[in-house]
């Protein structure tokens, strides 16, 4: 296996780790997703990270990893100072090309709104200290 490649088990484990949460353990494995999140935490951008279309700019990024004929995607945001929120990690199953399914985009939008609220609550808490 080449460095940066994801095994199916690793991808599914990351999906389980992230589903419904806002974090990923970047040290869990040597994979593109982990490297991308770690780069974002350090203030840089992984070469494979691309802005997700429909989110106005480069604050919501997507990393795509192919393994054994399957495609996996991780979507995260760097919109908030000092915070990285992983919004969704999923196996792309659509046979209609590279387009992200609407149900996944809706979930990403919903989680981004949740992240905005959470970040604002944290910011408001710091202001009142």
N, C-alpha and C. Protein backbone atom coordinates (compact mmCIF):
# COMPACT_ATOMS: atom_id res chain seq x y z
N UNK A 1 0.84 -1.18 0.00
CA UNK A 1 0.00 0.00 0.00
C UNK A 1 0.89 1.24 0.00
N UNK A 2 0.62 2.19 -0.86
CA UNK A 2 1.43 3.40 -0.93
C UNK A 2 1.08 4.34 0.22
N UNK A 3 2.03 5.17 0.59
CA UNK A 3 1.80 6.13 1.67
C UNK A 3 0.68 7.08 1.28
N UNK A 4 -0.22 7.35 2.20
CA UNK A 4 -1.32 8.26 1.93
C UNK A 4 -2.55 7.54 1.41
N UNK A 5 -2.44 6.25 1.15
CA UNK A 5 -3.58 5.49 0.65
C UNK A 5 -4.37 4.96 1.84
N UNK A 6 -5.63 4.82 1.65
CA UNK A 6 -6.57 4.46 2.70
C UNK A 6 -7.06 3.04 2.48
N UNK A 7 -7.01 2.21 3.50
CA UNK A 7 -7.63 0.89 3.36
C UNK A 7 -9.13 1.06 3.56
N UNK A 8 -9.89 0.12 3.08
CA UNK A 8 -11.35 0.18 3.24
C UNK A 8 -11.73 0.24 4.72
N UNK A 9 -11.05 -0.59 5.55
CA UNK A 9 -11.34 -0.59 6.99
C UNK A 9 -11.02 0.75 7.63
N UNK A 10 -9.90 1.37 7.23
CA UNK A 10 -9.55 2.68 7.78
C UNK A 10 -10.61 3.72 7.40
N UNK A 11 -11.03 3.71 6.15
CA UNK A 11 -12.05 4.67 5.70
C UNK A 11 -13.34 4.48 6.47
N UNK A 12 -13.78 3.24 6.63
CA UNK A 12 -15.02 2.99 7.35
C UNK A 12 -14.89 3.35 8.83
N UNK A 13 -13.70 3.11 9.41
CA UNK A 13 -13.47 3.49 10.81
C UNK A 13 -13.52 5.00 10.97
N UNK A 14 -12.92 5.73 10.03
CA UNK A 14 -12.98 7.19 10.09
C UNK A 14 -14.42 7.66 9.93
N UNK A 15 -15.18 7.02 9.04
CA UNK A 15 -16.59 7.38 8.88
C UNK A 15 -17.33 7.20 10.20
N UNK A 16 -17.09 6.08 10.88
CA UNK A 16 -17.76 5.84 12.16
C UNK A 16 -17.30 6.85 13.21
N UNK A 17 -16.01 7.20 13.20
CA UNK A 17 -15.50 8.18 14.16
C UNK A 17 -16.17 9.53 13.98
N UNK A 18 -16.36 9.92 12.73
CA UNK A 18 -16.80 11.28 12.43
C UNK A 18 -18.31 11.41 12.40
N UNK A 19 -19.01 10.37 12.00
CA UNK A 19 -20.45 10.47 11.82
C UNK A 19 -21.12 11.05 13.07
N UNK A 20 -21.75 12.20 12.91
CA UNK A 20 -22.44 12.84 14.01
C UNK A 20 -21.56 13.62 14.97
N UNK A 21 -20.28 13.74 14.67
CA UNK A 21 -19.36 14.46 15.53
C UNK A 21 -18.63 15.52 14.71
N UNK A 22 -17.86 16.34 15.38
CA UNK A 22 -17.13 17.41 14.72
C UNK A 22 -15.63 17.27 14.84
N UNK A 23 -15.14 16.04 14.91
CA UNK A 23 -13.70 15.87 15.03
C UNK A 23 -13.26 14.57 14.38
N UNK A 24 -11.97 14.48 14.13
CA UNK A 24 -11.35 13.25 13.64
C UNK A 24 -9.97 13.14 14.27
N UNK A 25 -9.56 11.95 14.59
CA UNK A 25 -8.24 11.73 15.14
C UNK A 25 -7.25 11.62 13.98
N UNK A 26 -6.56 12.71 13.69
CA UNK A 26 -5.66 12.74 12.54
C UNK A 26 -4.47 11.80 12.72
N UNK A 27 -4.19 11.39 13.94
CA UNK A 27 -3.07 10.49 14.15
C UNK A 27 -3.49 9.02 14.04
N UNK A 28 -4.77 8.76 13.74
CA UNK A 28 -5.28 7.39 13.72
C UNK A 28 -4.67 6.55 12.61
N UNK A 29 -4.26 7.16 11.54
CA UNK A 29 -3.69 6.38 10.45
C UNK A 29 -2.95 7.26 9.46
N UNK A 30 -2.18 6.63 8.62
CA UNK A 30 -1.45 7.35 7.59
C UNK A 30 -2.34 7.42 6.36
N UNK A 31 -3.16 8.44 6.27
CA UNK A 31 -4.10 8.55 5.16
C UNK A 31 -4.27 10.00 4.74
N UNK A 32 -4.82 10.18 3.57
CA UNK A 32 -5.01 11.52 3.02
C UNK A 32 -5.89 12.35 3.94
N UNK A 33 -6.96 11.76 4.49
CA UNK A 33 -7.86 12.51 5.35
C UNK A 33 -7.11 13.03 6.58
N UNK A 34 -6.37 12.16 7.22
CA UNK A 34 -5.62 12.56 8.41
C UNK A 34 -4.59 13.63 8.10
N UNK A 35 -3.88 13.47 6.98
CA UNK A 35 -2.89 14.46 6.60
C UNK A 35 -3.56 15.81 6.29
N UNK A 36 -4.72 15.78 5.66
CA UNK A 36 -5.42 17.03 5.31
C UNK A 36 -5.87 17.77 6.57
N UNK A 37 -6.43 17.02 7.53
CA UNK A 37 -6.87 17.65 8.78
C UNK A 37 -5.68 18.19 9.55
N UNK A 38 -4.63 17.41 9.60
CA UNK A 38 -3.42 17.87 10.31
C UNK A 38 -2.86 19.14 9.64
N UNK A 39 -2.83 19.18 8.31
CA UNK A 39 -2.35 20.39 7.61
C UNK A 39 -3.21 21.59 7.97
N UNK A 40 -4.53 21.40 8.01
CA UNK A 40 -5.43 22.50 8.36
C UNK A 40 -5.18 22.97 9.79
N UNK A 41 -4.94 22.04 10.71
CA UNK A 41 -4.65 22.40 12.09
C UNK A 41 -3.38 23.23 12.20
N UNK A 42 -2.46 22.99 11.28
CA UNK A 42 -1.19 23.72 11.28
C UNK A 42 -1.26 25.00 10.45
N UNK A 43 -2.43 25.30 9.89
CA UNK A 43 -2.59 26.55 9.14
C UNK A 43 -2.23 26.46 7.67
N UNK A 44 -2.03 25.25 7.16
CA UNK A 44 -1.74 25.10 5.74
C UNK A 44 -2.83 24.27 5.07
N UNK A 45 -2.65 23.95 3.81
CA UNK A 45 -3.67 23.22 3.07
C UNK A 45 -3.02 22.04 2.37
N UNK A 46 -3.64 20.88 2.52
CA UNK A 46 -3.16 19.66 1.84
C UNK A 46 -3.29 19.87 0.33
N UNK A 47 -2.33 19.40 -0.46
CA UNK A 47 -2.40 19.60 -1.91
C UNK A 47 -3.65 19.00 -2.57
N UNK A 48 -4.25 17.98 -1.95
CA UNK A 48 -5.45 17.37 -2.52
C UNK A 48 -6.74 18.00 -2.04
N UNK A 49 -6.67 18.95 -1.09
CA UNK A 49 -7.88 19.61 -0.58
C UNK A 49 -8.36 20.65 -1.57
N UNK A 50 -9.63 20.56 -1.92
CA UNK A 50 -10.24 21.49 -2.88
C UNK A 50 -11.49 22.10 -2.27
N UNK A 51 -11.80 23.36 -2.61
CA UNK A 51 -13.05 23.95 -2.11
C UNK A 51 -14.25 23.15 -2.61
N UNK A 52 -15.22 22.92 -1.71
CA UNK A 52 -16.44 22.23 -2.10
C UNK A 52 -17.36 23.23 -2.76
N UNK A 53 -17.81 22.91 -3.95
CA UNK A 53 -18.67 23.82 -4.72
C UNK A 53 -19.99 24.04 -3.99
N UNK A 54 -20.46 25.30 -4.07
CA UNK A 54 -21.74 25.64 -3.47
C UNK A 54 -21.63 26.24 -2.08
N UNK A 55 -20.40 26.44 -1.60
CA UNK A 55 -20.22 26.98 -0.26
C UNK A 55 -19.47 28.32 -0.28
N UNK A 56 -19.39 28.94 -1.44
CA UNK A 56 -18.85 30.29 -1.56
C UNK A 56 -17.44 30.48 -1.05
N UNK A 57 -16.47 30.04 -1.77
CA UNK A 57 -15.08 30.27 -1.40
C UNK A 57 -14.38 29.01 -0.95
N UNK A 58 -13.29 29.22 -0.22
CA UNK A 58 -12.43 28.11 0.17
C UNK A 58 -12.50 27.80 1.66
N UNK A 59 -13.61 28.14 2.31
CA UNK A 59 -13.69 27.86 3.75
C UNK A 59 -14.24 26.46 4.04
N UNK A 60 -14.88 25.82 3.05
CA UNK A 60 -15.33 24.43 3.18
C UNK A 60 -14.55 23.63 2.15
N UNK A 61 -13.74 22.70 2.64
CA UNK A 61 -12.84 21.94 1.77
C UNK A 61 -13.22 20.47 1.72
N UNK A 62 -12.86 19.85 0.61
CA UNK A 62 -13.14 18.44 0.40
C UNK A 62 -11.85 17.74 0.00
N UNK A 63 -11.65 16.56 0.55
CA UNK A 63 -10.53 15.70 0.17
C UNK A 63 -11.13 14.40 -0.31
N UNK A 64 -10.66 13.92 -1.46
CA UNK A 64 -11.18 12.69 -2.05
C UNK A 64 -10.08 11.64 -2.05
N UNK A 65 -10.43 10.44 -1.67
CA UNK A 65 -9.49 9.32 -1.66
C UNK A 65 -10.14 8.13 -2.34
N UNK A 66 -9.45 7.55 -3.30
CA UNK A 66 -9.94 6.35 -3.98
C UNK A 66 -9.21 5.13 -3.42
N UNK A 67 -9.98 4.06 -3.24
CA UNK A 67 -9.38 2.81 -2.81
C UNK A 67 -10.20 1.64 -3.31
N UNK A 68 -9.56 0.73 -3.98
CA UNK A 68 -10.17 -0.53 -4.40
C UNK A 68 -11.47 -0.30 -5.18
N UNK A 69 -11.46 0.70 -6.04
CA UNK A 69 -12.63 0.99 -6.87
C UNK A 69 -13.71 1.83 -6.21
N UNK A 70 -13.53 2.17 -4.94
CA UNK A 70 -14.49 3.00 -4.22
C UNK A 70 -13.89 4.38 -3.99
N UNK A 71 -14.75 5.38 -3.83
CA UNK A 71 -14.32 6.74 -3.58
C UNK A 71 -14.85 7.19 -2.23
N UNK A 72 -13.97 7.76 -1.42
CA UNK A 72 -14.33 8.27 -0.10
C UNK A 72 -14.04 9.76 -0.07
N UNK A 73 -14.88 10.51 0.65
CA UNK A 73 -14.71 11.96 0.75
C UNK A 73 -14.77 12.41 2.19
N UNK A 74 -13.94 13.38 2.51
CA UNK A 74 -13.99 14.04 3.82
C UNK A 74 -14.21 15.52 3.55
N UNK A 75 -15.15 16.12 4.26
CA UNK A 75 -15.46 17.54 4.10
C UNK A 75 -15.26 18.20 5.45
N UNK A 76 -14.51 19.30 5.45
CA UNK A 76 -14.25 20.01 6.70
C UNK A 76 -14.22 21.50 6.43
N UNK A 77 -14.32 22.29 7.50
CA UNK A 77 -14.29 23.74 7.34
C UNK A 77 -13.16 24.36 8.15
N UNK A 78 -12.56 25.37 7.55
CA UNK A 78 -11.52 26.17 8.21
C UNK A 78 -12.02 27.59 8.40
N UNK A 79 -13.34 27.73 8.41
CA UNK A 79 -13.99 29.03 8.46
C UNK A 79 -13.80 29.76 9.78
N UNK A 80 -13.55 29.03 10.85
CA UNK A 80 -13.53 29.60 12.19
C UNK A 80 -12.12 29.65 12.75
N UNK A 81 -11.72 30.81 13.23
CA UNK A 81 -10.36 31.00 13.74
C UNK A 81 -10.05 30.01 14.85
N UNK A 82 -8.93 29.29 14.68
CA UNK A 82 -8.47 28.37 15.70
C UNK A 82 -9.25 27.07 15.81
N UNK A 83 -10.17 26.81 14.89
CA UNK A 83 -11.00 25.60 14.96
C UNK A 83 -11.12 24.97 13.58
N UNK A 84 -11.07 23.63 13.56
CA UNK A 84 -11.33 22.84 12.36
C UNK A 84 -12.53 21.96 12.69
N UNK A 85 -13.57 22.04 11.90
CA UNK A 85 -14.74 21.18 12.09
C UNK A 85 -14.85 20.22 10.92
N UNK A 86 -14.82 18.92 11.20
CA UNK A 86 -15.07 17.92 10.17
C UNK A 86 -16.57 17.80 10.06
N UNK A 87 -17.09 18.07 8.88
CA UNK A 87 -18.54 18.13 8.68
C UNK A 87 -19.13 16.81 8.22
N UNK A 88 -18.36 16.05 7.44
CA UNK A 88 -18.91 14.79 6.92
C UNK A 88 -17.78 13.97 6.30
N UNK A 89 -17.82 12.68 6.49
CA UNK A 89 -16.94 11.73 5.82
C UNK A 89 -17.83 10.62 5.31
N UNK A 90 -17.71 10.29 4.03
CA UNK A 90 -18.64 9.32 3.46
C UNK A 90 -18.04 8.62 2.25
N UNK A 91 -18.62 7.47 1.95
CA UNK A 91 -18.26 6.75 0.73
C UNK A 91 -19.20 7.22 -0.36
N UNK A 92 -18.63 7.67 -1.44
CA UNK A 92 -19.45 8.12 -2.57
C UNK A 92 -19.94 6.89 -3.32
N UNK A 93 -21.25 6.80 -3.45
CA UNK A 93 -21.83 5.62 -4.10
C UNK A 93 -22.50 5.93 -5.42
N UNK A 94 -22.71 7.21 -5.70
CA UNK A 94 -23.40 7.61 -6.92
C UNK A 94 -22.62 7.20 -8.16
N UNK A 95 -23.31 6.74 -9.15
CA UNK A 95 -22.68 6.38 -10.42
C UNK A 95 -22.86 7.49 -11.45
N UNK A 96 -23.30 8.67 -11.00
CA UNK A 96 -23.56 9.79 -11.91
C UNK A 96 -22.40 10.76 -12.01
N UNK A 97 -21.21 10.29 -11.89
CA UNK A 97 -20.05 11.17 -12.01
C UNK A 97 -19.57 11.66 -10.66
N UNK A 98 -18.90 12.80 -10.68
CA UNK A 98 -18.25 13.31 -9.49
C UNK A 98 -19.16 14.15 -8.61
N UNK A 99 -20.36 14.44 -9.04
CA UNK A 99 -21.26 15.31 -8.30
C UNK A 99 -21.60 14.72 -6.93
N UNK A 100 -21.51 15.57 -5.90
CA UNK A 100 -21.86 15.14 -4.54
C UNK A 100 -23.38 15.04 -4.43
N UNK A 101 -23.89 13.92 -3.94
CA UNK A 101 -25.34 13.75 -3.82
C UNK A 101 -25.98 14.84 -2.94
N UNK A 102 -27.20 15.23 -3.29
CA UNK A 102 -27.92 16.29 -2.58
C UNK A 102 -28.07 15.96 -1.10
N UNK A 103 -28.35 14.72 -0.77
CA UNK A 103 -28.53 14.36 0.64
C UNK A 103 -27.25 14.62 1.44
N UNK A 104 -26.10 14.37 0.83
CA UNK A 104 -24.84 14.64 1.51
C UNK A 104 -24.59 16.14 1.63
N UNK A 105 -24.91 16.89 0.57
CA UNK A 105 -24.75 18.36 0.63
C UNK A 105 -25.66 18.96 1.70
N UNK A 106 -26.89 18.46 1.80
CA UNK A 106 -27.82 18.95 2.82
C UNK A 106 -27.28 18.68 4.22
N UNK A 107 -26.72 17.49 4.42
CA UNK A 107 -26.14 17.15 5.73
C UNK A 107 -24.94 18.05 6.03
N UNK A 108 -24.11 18.30 5.05
CA UNK A 108 -22.95 19.18 5.23
C UNK A 108 -23.41 20.59 5.60
N UNK A 109 -24.42 21.10 4.90
CA UNK A 109 -24.95 22.45 5.20
C UNK A 109 -25.50 22.51 6.62
N UNK A 110 -26.23 21.48 7.01
CA UNK A 110 -26.80 21.43 8.36
C UNK A 110 -25.69 21.40 9.42
N UNK A 111 -24.68 20.60 9.19
CA UNK A 111 -23.58 20.52 10.16
C UNK A 111 -22.76 21.80 10.18
N UNK A 112 -22.65 22.48 9.05
CA UNK A 112 -21.94 23.76 9.02
C UNK A 112 -22.70 24.78 9.87
N UNK A 113 -24.02 24.79 9.76
CA UNK A 113 -24.83 25.70 10.60
C UNK A 113 -24.65 25.37 12.08
N UNK A 114 -24.64 24.08 12.41
CA UNK A 114 -24.41 23.66 13.79
C UNK A 114 -23.04 24.11 14.28
N UNK A 115 -22.04 23.97 13.42
CA UNK A 115 -20.68 24.38 13.78
C UNK A 115 -20.62 25.89 14.00
N UNK A 116 -21.33 26.65 13.16
CA UNK A 116 -21.37 28.11 13.32
C UNK A 116 -21.97 28.49 14.68
N UNK A 117 -23.06 27.82 15.05
CA UNK A 117 -23.70 28.09 16.34
C UNK A 117 -22.77 27.73 17.50
N UNK A 118 -22.13 26.57 17.37
CA UNK A 118 -21.22 26.12 18.42
C UNK A 118 -20.04 27.09 18.56
N UNK A 119 -19.48 27.50 17.44
CA UNK A 119 -18.36 28.42 17.46
C UNK A 119 -18.77 29.76 18.07
N UNK A 120 -19.95 30.25 17.70
CA UNK A 120 -20.44 31.53 18.24
C UNK A 120 -20.63 31.43 19.75
N UNK A 121 -21.16 30.29 20.20
CA UNK A 121 -21.35 30.10 21.64
C UNK A 121 -20.00 30.12 22.37
N UNK A 122 -19.00 29.51 21.77
CA UNK A 122 -17.66 29.51 22.36
C UNK A 122 -17.11 30.93 22.39
N UNK A 123 -17.27 31.65 21.27
CA UNK A 123 -16.78 33.03 21.18
C UNK A 123 -17.49 33.92 22.19
N UNK A 124 -18.82 33.75 22.34
CA UNK A 124 -19.57 34.55 23.31
C UNK A 124 -19.14 34.25 24.73
N UNK A 125 -18.85 32.97 24.99
CA UNK A 125 -18.37 32.57 26.33
C UNK A 125 -17.04 33.20 26.67
N UNK A 126 -16.17 33.29 25.69
CA UNK A 126 -14.86 33.91 25.92
C UNK A 126 -14.99 35.41 26.17
N UNK A 127 -15.95 36.03 25.49
CA UNK A 127 -16.14 37.47 25.66
C UNK A 127 -16.65 37.81 27.05
N UNK A 128 -17.43 36.91 27.64
CA UNK A 128 -18.01 37.20 28.94
C UNK A 128 -17.08 36.86 30.11
N UNK A 129 -15.94 36.25 29.81
CA UNK A 129 -14.99 35.87 30.88
C UNK A 129 -14.30 37.06 31.46
